[in-house]
Each structure stands twice: as structure tokens, then as C-alpha cells.
PDB file of N, CA and C in Angstrom:
ATOM      1  N   MET A   1       0.846  -1.172   0.000  1.00  0.00           N
ATOM      2  CA  MET A   1       0.000   0.000   0.000  1.00  0.00           C
ATOM      3  C   MET A   1       0.898   1.243   0.000  1.00  0.00           C
ATOM      4  N   PRO A   2       0.673   2.176  -0.924  1.00  0.00           N
ATOM      5  CA  PRO A   2       1.546   3.350  -1.004  1.00  0.00           C
ATOM      6  C   PRO A   2       1.352   4.291   0.171  1.00  0.00           C
ATOM      7  N   GLN A   3       2.445   4.991   0.517  1.00  0.00           N
ATOM      8  CA  GLN A   3       2.390   5.958   1.620  1.00  0.00           C
ATOM      9  C   GLN A   3       1.689   7.227   1.166  1.00  0.00           C
ATOM     10  N   SER A   4       1.065   7.915   2.105  1.00  0.00           N
ATOM     11  CA  SER A   4       0.426   9.183   1.759  1.00  0.00           C
ATOM     12  C   SER A   4       1.483  10.254   1.537  1.00  0.00           C
ATOM     13  N   SER A   5       1.110  11.318   0.867  1.00  0.00           N
ATOM     14  CA  SER A   5       2.044  12.402   0.586  1.00  0.00           C
ATOM     15  C   SER A   5       2.469  13.108   1.867  1.00  0.00           C
ATOM     16  N   ASP A   6       1.555  13.202   2.832  1.00  0.00           N
ATOM     17  CA  ASP A   6       1.892  13.853   4.098  1.00  0.00           C
ATOM     18  C   ASP A   6       3.005  13.106   4.826  1.00  0.00           C
ATOM     19  N   HIS A   7       2.932  11.787   4.825  1.00  0.00           N
ATOM     20  CA  HIS A   7       3.949  10.990   5.509  1.00  0.00           C
ATOM     21  C   HIS A   7       5.305  11.158   4.818  1.00  0.00           C
ATOM     22  N   ARG A   8       5.306  11.222   3.491  1.00  0.00           N
ATOM     23  CA  ARG A   8       6.552  11.418   2.753  1.00  0.00           C
ATOM     24  C   ARG A   8       7.153  12.787   3.051  1.00  0.00           C
ATOM     25  N   LEU A   9       6.296  13.804   3.130  1.00  0.00           N
ATOM     26  CA  LEU A   9       6.799  15.148   3.436  1.00  0.00           C
ATOM     27  C   LEU A   9       7.374  15.222   4.840  1.00  0.00           C
ATOM     28  N   VAL A  10       6.742  14.554   5.790  1.00  0.00           N
ATOM     29  CA  VAL A  10       7.254  14.535   7.162  1.00  0.00           C
ATOM     30  C   VAL A  10       8.613  13.825   7.194  1.00  0.00           C
ATOM     31  N   ASP A  11       8.724  12.718   6.457  1.00  0.00           N
ATOM     32  CA  ASP A  11      10.018  12.014   6.391  1.00  0.00           C
ATOM     33  C   ASP A  11      11.095  12.888   5.754  1.00  0.00           C
ATOM     34  N   LEU A  12      10.724  13.591   4.684  1.00  0.00           N
ATOM     35  CA  LEU A  12      11.679  14.478   4.020  1.00  0.00           C
ATOM     36  C   LEU A  12      12.124  15.609   4.939  1.00  0.00           C
ATOM     37  N   ALA A  13      11.191  16.203   5.674  1.00  0.00           N
ATOM     38  CA  ALA A  13      11.531  17.286   6.604  1.00  0.00           C
ATOM     39  C   ALA A  13      12.435  16.779   7.727  1.00  0.00           C
ATOM     40  N   ALA A  14      12.156  15.571   8.231  1.00  0.00           N
ATOM     41  CA  ALA A  14      12.985  15.010   9.301  1.00  0.00           C
ATOM     42  C   ALA A  14      14.401  14.722   8.793  1.00  0.00           C
ATOM     43  N   ARG A  15      14.523  14.209   7.571  1.00  0.00           N
ATOM     44  CA  ARG A  15      15.843  13.928   7.013  1.00  0.00           C
ATOM     45  C   ARG A  15      16.618  15.226   6.773  1.00  0.00           C
ATOM     46  N   LEU A  16      15.915  16.259   6.292  1.00  0.00           N
ATOM     47  CA  LEU A  16      16.562  17.556   6.078  1.00  0.00           C
ATOM     48  C   LEU A  16      17.035  18.147   7.402  1.00  0.00           C
ATOM     49  N   GLU A  17      16.211  18.042   8.434  1.00  0.00           N
ATOM     50  CA  GLU A  17      16.596  18.546   9.758  1.00  0.00           C
ATOM     51  C   GLU A  17      17.815  17.803  10.290  1.00  0.00           C
ATOM     52  N   HIS A  18      17.894  16.521  10.016  1.00  0.00           N
ATOM     53  CA  HIS A  18      19.023  15.721  10.485  1.00  0.00           C
ATOM     54  C   HIS A  18      20.301  16.042   9.712  1.00  0.00           C
ATOM     55  N   GLU A  19      20.195  16.200   8.379  1.00  0.00           N
ATOM     56  CA  GLU A  19      21.378  16.420   7.554  1.00  0.00           C
ATOM     57  C   GLU A  19      21.912  17.841   7.637  1.00  0.00           C
ATOM     58  N   ASP A  20      21.031  18.840   7.677  1.00  0.00           N
ATOM     59  CA  ASP A  20      21.471  20.240   7.686  1.00  0.00           C
ATOM     60  C   ASP A  20      20.525  21.058   8.558  1.00  0.00           C
ATOM     61  N   PRO A  21      20.709  21.019   9.891  1.00  0.00           N
ATOM     62  CA  PRO A  21      19.777  21.716  10.792  1.00  0.00           C
ATOM     63  C   PRO A  21      19.767  23.229  10.591  1.00  0.00           C
ATOM     64  N   ARG A  22      20.908  23.803  10.228  1.00  0.00           N
ATOM     65  CA  ARG A  22      20.949  25.261  10.029  1.00  0.00           C
ATOM     66  C   ARG A  22      20.052  25.684   8.864  1.00  0.00           C
ATOM     67  N   PHE A  23      20.099  24.932   7.778  1.00  0.00           N
ATOM     68  CA  PHE A  23      19.265  25.227   6.626  1.00  0.00           C
ATOM     69  C   PHE A  23      17.783  25.018   6.948  1.00  0.00           C
ATOM     70  N   ALA A  24      17.462  23.955   7.684  1.00  0.00           N
ATOM     71  CA  ALA A  24      16.063  23.682   8.036  1.00  0.00           C
ATOM     72  C   ALA A  24      15.504  24.777   8.944  1.00  0.00           C
ATOM     73  N   ARG A  25      16.295  25.251   9.909  1.00  0.00           N
ATOM     74  CA  ARG A  25      15.829  26.340  10.782  1.00  0.00           C
ATOM     75  C   ARG A  25      15.620  27.622   9.999  1.00  0.00           C
ATOM     76  N   SER A  26      16.510  27.877   9.040  1.00  0.00           N
ATOM     77  CA  SER A  26      16.379  29.115   8.271  1.00  0.00           C
ATOM     78  C   SER A  26      15.139  29.084   7.378  1.00  0.00           C
ATOM     79  N   LEU A  27      14.751  27.914   6.902  1.00  0.00           N
ATOM     80  CA  LEU A  27      13.521  27.821   6.105  1.00  0.00           C
ATOM     81  C   LEU A  27      12.294  28.123   6.947  1.00  0.00           C
ATOM     82  N   SER A  28      12.304  27.684   8.206  1.00  0.00           N
ATOM     83  CA  SER A  28      11.141  27.934   9.062  1.00  0.00           C
ATOM     84  C   SER A  28      11.028  29.399   9.470  1.00  0.00           C
ATOM     85  N   THR A  29      12.139  30.141   9.472  1.00  0.00           N
ATOM     86  CA  THR A  29      12.072  31.565   9.819  1.00  0.00           C
ATOM     87  C   THR A  29      11.742  32.437   8.617  1.00  0.00           C
ATOM     88  N   GLY A  30      11.806  31.879   7.415  1.00  0.00           N
ATOM     89  CA  GLY A  30      11.482  32.648   6.221  1.00  0.00           C
ATOM     90  C   GLY A  30      12.662  33.340   5.583  1.00  0.00           C
ATOM     91  N   GLN A  31      13.862  33.136   6.112  1.00  0.00           N
ATOM     92  CA  GLN A  31      15.074  33.722   5.533  1.00  0.00           C
ATOM     93  C   GLN A  31      16.070  32.593   5.258  1.00  0.00           C
ATOM     94  N   PRO A  32      15.893  31.897   4.136  1.00  0.00           N
ATOM     95  CA  PRO A  32      16.744  30.724   3.887  1.00  0.00           C
ATOM     96  C   PRO A  32      18.212  31.081   3.676  1.00  0.00           C
ATOM     97  N   THR A  33      19.069  30.227   4.200  1.00  0.00           N
ATOM     98  CA  THR A  33      20.507  30.345   3.985  1.00  0.00           C
ATOM     99  C   THR A  33      20.906  29.332   2.922  1.00  0.00           C
ATOM    100  N   ARG A  34      22.159  29.337   2.560  1.00  0.00           N
ATOM    101  CA  ARG A  34      22.641  28.370   1.587  1.00  0.00           C
ATOM    102  C   ARG A  34      22.663  26.979   2.214  1.00  0.00           C
ATOM    103  N   PRO A  35      22.309  25.963   1.439  1.00  0.00           N
ATOM    104  CA  PRO A  35      22.464  24.595   1.943  1.00  0.00           C
ATOM    105  C   PRO A  35      23.936  24.272   2.171  1.00  0.00           C
ATOM    106  N   ARG A  36      24.191  23.249   2.933  1.00  0.00           N
ATOM    107  CA  ARG A  36      25.549  22.890   3.328  1.00  0.00           C
ATOM    108  C   ARG A  36      26.481  22.679   2.136  1.00  0.00           C
ATOM    109  N   GLU A  37      25.984  22.061   1.071  1.00  0.00           N
ATOM    110  CA  GLU A  37      26.874  21.787  -0.056  1.00  0.00           C
ATOM    111  C   GLU A  37      27.294  23.036  -0.810  1.00  0.00           C
ATOM    112  N   TYR A  38      26.642  24.171  -0.561  1.00  0.00           N
ATOM    113  CA  TYR A  38      27.023  25.421  -1.214  1.00  0.00           C
ATOM    114  C   TYR A  38      27.775  26.370  -0.283  1.00  0.00           C
ATOM    115  N   ARG A  39      27.962  25.989   0.961  1.00  0.00           N
ATOM    116  CA  ARG A  39      28.750  26.819   1.875  1.00  0.00           C
ATOM    117  C   ARG A  39      30.194  26.345   1.800  1.00  0.00           C
ATOM    118  N   ARG A  40      31.039  27.193   1.270  1.00  0.00           N
ATOM    119  CA  ARG A  40      32.435  26.804   1.069  1.00  0.00           C
ATOM    120  C   ARG A  40      33.410  27.782   1.699  1.00  0.00           C
ATOM    121  N   THR A  41      33.021  28.399   2.793  1.00  0.00           N
ATOM    122  CA  THR A  41      33.891  29.386   3.432  1.00  0.00           C
ATOM    123  C   THR A  41      35.195  28.752   3.894  1.00  0.00           C
ATOM    124  N   GLY A  42      35.123  27.572   4.480  1.00  0.00           N
ATOM    125  CA  GLY A  42      36.323  26.893   4.948  1.00  0.00           C
ATOM    126  C   GLY A  42      37.276  26.545   3.825  1.00  0.00           C
ATOM    127  N   ALA A  43      36.724  26.180   2.688  1.00  0.00           N
ATOM    128  CA  ALA A  43      37.575  25.849   1.543  1.00  0.00           C
ATOM    129  C   ALA A  43      38.304  27.089   1.027  1.00  0.00           C
ATOM    130  N   TRP A  44      37.616  28.235   1.021  1.00  0.00           N
ATOM    131  CA  TRP A  44      38.275  29.466   0.576  1.00  0.00           C
ATOM    132  C   TRP A  44      39.395  29.853   1.530  1.00  0.00           C
ATOM    133  N   TRP A  45      39.162  29.702   2.845  1.00  0.00           N
ATOM    134  CA  TRP A  45      40.223  30.016   3.811  1.00  0.00           C
ATOM    135  C   TRP A  45      41.411  29.076   3.650  1.00  0.00           C
ATOM    136  N   ALA A  46      41.131  27.798   3.401  1.00  0.00           N
ATOM    137  CA  ALA A  46      42.219  26.842   3.192  1.00  0.00           C
ATOM    138  C   ALA A  46      43.022  27.207   1.943  1.00  0.00           C
ATOM    139  N   LEU A  47      42.336  27.672   0.902  1.00  0.00           N
ATOM    140  CA  LEU A  47      43.039  28.081  -0.314  1.00  0.00           C
ATOM    141  C   LEU A  47      43.909  29.308  -0.062  1.00  0.00           C
ATOM    142  N   VAL A  48      43.386  30.279   0.679  1.00  0.00           N
ATOM    143  CA  VAL A  48      44.167  31.486   0.999  1.00  0.00           C
ATOM    144  C   VAL A  48      45.406  31.116   1.814  1.00  0.00           C
ATOM    145  N   ILE A  49      45.230  30.275   2.812  1.00  0.00           N
ATOM    146  CA  ILE A  49      46.365  29.871   3.650  1.00  0.00           C
ATOM    147  C   ILE A  49      47.371  29.060   2.845  1.00  0.00           C
ATOM    148  N   GLY A  50      46.879  28.175   1.978  1.00  0.00           N
ATOM    149  CA  GLY A  50      47.781  27.372   1.141  1.00  0.00           C
ATOM    150  C   GLY A  50      48.602  28.224   0.194  1.00  0.00           C
ATOM    151  N   VAL A  51      47.965  29.202  -0.434  1.00  0.00           N
ATOM    152  CA  VAL A  51      48.699  30.080  -1.353  1.00  0.00           C
ATOM    153  C   VAL A  51      49.696  30.943  -0.577  1.00  0.00           C
ATOM    154  N   ALA A  52      49.292  31.397   0.618  1.00  0.00           N
ATOM    155  CA  ALA A  52      50.216  32.184   1.443  1.00  0.00           C
ATOM    156  C   ALA A  52      51.430  31.345   1.846  1.00  0.00           C
ATOM    157  N   MET A  53      51.195  30.078   2.184  1.00  0.00           N
ATOM    158  CA  MET A  53      52.312  29.200   2.524  1.00  0.00           C
ATOM    159  C   MET A  53      53.217  28.980   1.319  1.00  0.00           C
ATOM    160  N   LEU A  54      52.616  28.847   0.158  1.00  0.00           N
ATOM    161  CA  LEU A  54      53.391  28.649  -1.062  1.00  0.00           C
ATOM    162  C   LEU A  54      54.259  29.871  -1.364  1.00  0.00           C
ATOM    163  N   ILE A  55      53.678  31.045  -1.258  1.00  0.00           N
ATOM    164  CA  ILE A  55      54.434  32.279  -1.508  1.00  0.00           C
ATOM    165  C   ILE A  55      55.539  32.449  -0.465  1.00  0.00           C
ATOM    166  N   ALA A  56      55.207  32.160   0.798  1.00  0.00           N
ATOM    167  CA  ALA A  56      56.224  32.274   1.850  1.00  0.00           C
ATOM    168  C   ALA A  56      57.350  31.271   1.619  1.00  0.00           C
ATOM    169  N   GLY A  57      57.022  30.092   1.131  1.00  0.00           N
ATOM    170  CA  GLY A  57      58.048  29.092   0.850  1.00  0.00           C
ATOM    171  C   GLY A  57      58.950  29.487  -0.293  1.00  0.00           C
ATOM    172  N   VAL A  58      58.406  30.258  -1.243  1.00  0.00           N
ATOM    173  CA  VAL A  58      59.237  30.726  -2.360  1.00  0.00           C
ATOM    174  C   VAL A  58      60.131  31.869  -1.903  1.00  0.00           C
ATOM    175  N   ILE A  59      59.583  32.770  -1.070  1.00  0.00           N
ATOM    176  CA  ILE A  59      60.374  33.907  -0.583  1.00  0.00           C
ATOM    177  C   ILE A  59      61.491  33.426   0.340  1.00  0.00           C
ATOM    178  N   VAL A  60      61.135  32.596   1.298  1.00  0.00           N
ATOM    179  CA  VAL A  60      62.133  31.992   2.193  1.00  0.00           C
ATOM    180  C   VAL A  60      62.384  30.602   1.618  1.00  0.00           C
ATOM    181  N   PRO A  61      63.459  30.371   0.945  1.00  0.00           N
ATOM    182  CA  PRO A  61      63.614  29.104   0.223  1.00  0.00           C
ATOM    183  C   PRO A  61      63.512  27.893   1.154  1.00  0.00           C
ATOM    184  N   ASP A  62      62.294  27.407   1.292  1.00  0.00           N
ATOM    185  CA  ASP A  62      62.040  26.273   2.176  1.00  0.00           C
ATOM    186  C   ASP A  62      61.142  25.285   1.423  1.00  0.00           C
ATOM    187  N   GLY A  63      61.703  24.163   1.060  1.00  0.00           N
ATOM    188  CA  GLY A  63      60.982  23.170   0.272  1.00  0.00           C
ATOM    189  C   GLY A  63      59.791  22.574   0.998  1.00  0.00           C
ATOM    190  N   LEU A  64      59.914  22.409   2.314  1.00  0.00           N
ATOM    191  CA  LEU A  64      58.810  21.836   3.076  1.00  0.00           C
ATOM    192  C   LEU A  64      57.611  22.781   3.092  1.00  0.00           C
ATOM    193  N   LEU A  65      57.858  24.061   3.207  1.00  0.00           N
ATOM    194  CA  LEU A  65      56.780  25.049   3.194  1.00  0.00           C
ATOM    195  C   LEU A  65      56.126  25.120   1.817  1.00  0.00           C
ATOM    196  N   ILE A  66      56.898  25.010   0.772  1.00  0.00           N
ATOM    197  CA  ILE A  66      56.352  24.991  -0.588  1.00  0.00           C
ATOM    198  C   ILE A  66      55.477  23.750  -0.778  1.00  0.00           C
ATOM    199  N   ALA A  67      55.985  22.608  -0.351  1.00  0.00           N
ATOM    200  CA  ALA A  67      55.224  21.362  -0.506  1.00  0.00           C
ATOM    201  C   ALA A  67      53.922  21.404   0.289  1.00  0.00           C
ATOM    202  N   ALA A  68      53.984  21.912   1.517  1.00  0.00           N
ATOM    203  CA  ALA A  68      52.770  21.999   2.339  1.00  0.00           C
ATOM    204  C   ALA A  68      51.761  22.965   1.720  1.00  0.00           C
ATOM    205  N   GLY A  69      52.254  24.066   1.168  1.00  0.00           N
ATOM    206  CA  GLY A  69      51.362  25.015   0.505  1.00  0.00           C
ATOM    207  C   GLY A  69      50.700  24.418  -0.722  1.00  0.00           C
ATOM    208  N   LEU A  70      51.460  23.649  -1.499  1.00  0.00           N
ATOM    209  CA  LEU A  70      50.886  22.988  -2.671  1.00  0.00           C
ATOM    210  C   LEU A  70      49.835  21.961  -2.273  1.00  0.00           C
ATOM    211  N   VAL A  71      50.122  21.193  -1.250  1.00  0.00           N
ATOM    212  CA  VAL A  71      49.169  20.176  -0.804  1.00  0.00           C
ATOM    213  C   VAL A  71      47.895  20.827  -0.275  1.00  0.00           C
ATOM    214  N   LEU A  72      48.024  21.832   0.560  1.00  0.00           N
ATOM    215  CA  LEU A  72      46.847  22.504   1.117  1.00  0.00           C
ATOM    216  C   LEU A  72      46.043  23.205   0.024  1.00  0.00           C
ATOM    217  N   SER A  73      46.713  23.798  -0.941  1.00  0.00           N
ATOM    218  CA  SER A  73      46.008  24.434  -2.056  1.00  0.00           C
ATOM    219  C   SER A  73      45.263  23.395  -2.894  1.00  0.00           C
ATOM    220  N   GLY A  74      45.876  22.272  -3.114  1.00  0.00           N
ATOM    221  CA  GLY A  74      45.218  21.199  -3.872  1.00  0.00           C
ATOM    222  C   GLY A  74      43.984  20.662  -3.166  1.00  0.00           C
ATOM    223  N   ILE A  75      44.077  20.509  -1.855  1.00  0.00           N
ATOM    224  CA  ILE A  75      42.916  20.050  -1.084  1.00  0.00           C
ATOM    225  C   ILE A  75      41.796  21.075  -1.151  1.00  0.00           C
ATOM    226  N   ALA A  76      42.144  22.344  -1.019  1.00  0.00           N
ATOM    227  CA  ALA A  76      41.134  23.402  -1.046  1.00  0.00           C
ATOM    228  C   ALA A  76      40.452  23.487  -2.407  1.00  0.00           C
ATOM    229  N   VAL A  77      41.209  23.365  -3.466  1.00  0.00           N
ATOM    230  CA  VAL A  77      40.615  23.400  -4.806  1.00  0.00           C
ATOM    231  C   VAL A  77      39.687  22.210  -5.000  1.00  0.00           C
ATOM    232  N   GLN A  78      40.054  21.066  -4.485  1.00  0.00           N
ATOM    233  CA  GLN A  78      39.181  19.894  -4.565  1.00  0.00           C
ATOM    234  C   GLN A  78      37.880  20.126  -3.806  1.00  0.00           C
ATOM    235  N   LEU A  79      37.951  20.804  -2.666  1.00  0.00           N
ATOM    236  CA  LEU A  79      36.746  21.099  -1.891  1.00  0.00           C
ATOM    237  C   LEU A  79      35.850  22.132  -2.574  1.00  0.00           C
ATOM    238  N   LEU A  80      36.430  22.965  -3.421  1.00  0.00           N
ATOM    239  CA  LEU A  80      35.649  23.978  -4.128  1.00  0.00           C
ATOM    240  C   LEU A  80      34.946  23.434  -5.366  1.00  0.00           C
ATOM    241  N   ASP A  81      35.209  22.201  -5.742  1.00  0.00           N
ATOM    242  CA  ASP A  81      34.590  21.599  -6.921  1.00  0.00           C
ATOM    243  C   ASP A  81      33.082  21.472  -6.703  1.00  0.00           C
ATOM    244  N   PRO A  82      32.253  22.142  -7.526  1.00  0.00           N
ATOM    245  CA  PRO A  82      30.813  22.119  -7.287  1.00  0.00           C
ATOM    246  C   PRO A  82      30.157  20.785  -7.604  1.00  0.00           C
ATOM    247  N   GLU A  83      30.782  19.949  -8.390  1.00  0.00           N
ATOM    248  CA  GLU A  83      30.139  18.703  -8.780  1.00  0.00           C
ATOM    249  C   GLU A  83      30.763  17.481  -8.125  1.00  0.00           C
ATOM    250  N   ARG A  84      31.448  17.654  -7.016  1.00  0.00           N
ATOM    251  CA  ARG A  84      32.116  16.502  -6.399  1.00  0.00           C
ATOM    252  C   ARG A  84      31.132  15.521  -5.807  1.00  0.00           C
ATOM    253  N   ARG A  85      29.958  15.970  -5.367  1.00  0.00           N
ATOM    254  CA  ARG A  85      28.973  15.061  -4.788  1.00  0.00           C
ATOM    255  C   ARG A  85      28.054  14.461  -5.840  1.00  0.00           C
ATOM    256  N   SER A  86      27.883  15.127  -6.962  1.00  0.00           N
ATOM    257  CA  SER A  86      26.934  14.651  -7.950  1.00  0.00           C
ATOM    258  C   SER A  86      27.532  13.587  -8.875  1.00  0.00           C
ATOM    259  N   ARG A  87      28.841  13.452  -8.876  1.00  0.00           N
ATOM    260  CA  ARG A  87      29.458  12.444  -9.725  1.00  0.00           C
ATOM    261  C   ARG A  87      29.323  11.068  -9.090  1.00  0.00           C
ATOM    262  N   PRO A  88      28.922  10.091  -9.873  1.00  0.00           N
ATOM    263  CA  PRO A  88      28.867   8.732  -9.310  1.00  0.00           C
ATOM    264  C   PRO A  88      30.282   8.200  -9.116  1.00  0.00           C
ATOM    265  N   PRO A  89      30.493   7.401  -8.096  1.00  0.00           N
ATOM    266  CA  PRO A  89      31.832   6.848  -7.874  1.00  0.00           C
ATOM    267  C   PRO A  89      32.204   5.900  -9.013  1.00  0.00           C
ATOM    268  N   ARG A  90      33.456   5.959  -9.407  1.00  0.00           N
ATOM    269  CA  ARG A  90      33.909   5.082 -10.489  1.00  0.00           C
ATOM    270  C   ARG A  90      34.136   3.683  -9.952  1.00  0.00           C
ATOM    271  N   ARG A  91      33.651   2.738 -10.689  1.00  0.00           N
ATOM    272  CA  ARG A  91      33.827   1.338 -10.298  1.00  0.00           C
ATOM    273  C   ARG A  91      34.892   0.715 -11.207  1.00  0.00           C
ATOM    274  N   PRO A  92      35.745  -0.100 -10.637  1.00  0.00           N
ATOM    275  CA  PRO A  92      36.758  -0.745 -11.480  1.00  0.00           C
ATOM    276  C   PRO A  92      36.092  -1.718 -12.450  1.00  0.00           C
ATOM    277  N   ARG A  93      36.662  -1.791 -13.632  1.00  0.00           N
ATOM    278  CA  ARG A  93      36.128  -2.712 -14.629  1.00  0.00           C
ATOM    279  C   ARG A  93      36.548  -4.144 -14.315  1.00  0.00           C
ATOM    280  N   ARG A  94      35.629  -5.040 -14.598  1.00  0.00           N
ATOM    281  CA  ARG A  94      35.958  -6.461 -14.420  1.00  0.00           C
ATOM    282  C   ARG A  94      36.436  -7.029 -15.744  1.00  0.00           C
ATOM    283  N   CYS A  95      37.431  -7.857 -15.665  1.00  0.00           N
ATOM    284  CA  CYS A  95      37.965  -8.458 -16.905  1.00  0.00           C
ATOM    285  C   CYS A  95      37.205  -9.682 -17.291  1.00  0.00           C
TER     286      CYS A  95
END
């Protein structure tokens, strides 16, 4: 027997509240914020810090600082990718 639409909406609201409580609260107040997957403030800060480390490593010739800056910048750029969640995971081919 199929579920009623009301029950599905209640389940959807409960799942949304569980996954992103800040977004769910903002919808109830009438001033919606960005959903979690579109909030990338931390990634931008990581990119700024990574580039600063890279520049500092070039100014003060320090290979470890350059490497750390490159790694942190690479991680931040990966976090800024808008389609990282929508891509299906690649499965290895079977021979």
C-alpha cells in the first residue's frame, strides 16, 4: 500500500533537519541560507592559507613550506569543486 504524501513530506523534513539543521531552521524563519553543499567558506580560507604558505616558501627558500602550501592548495581546490557530490563513484572494470 503506497504511503500518503503527508507521511513522505514529514520524512523528508525530518531527514533535512538531520542532515542540515541550520538550513532547516532558516527555512522555518522565512530567511533561507545556503544549503551545506554550497557553503564553502572553509575551503576558501584553506586556499588562501595554502597560497600564502606557497608564496612564503618561495620567498624563504624552504621546500617543506612549498610542498605543504601545494598540498593545502590542492585540497582546497578539490573542496571547491561544485560537482564533487553529484558524480557517481567510479567502479573498477571487471575483466
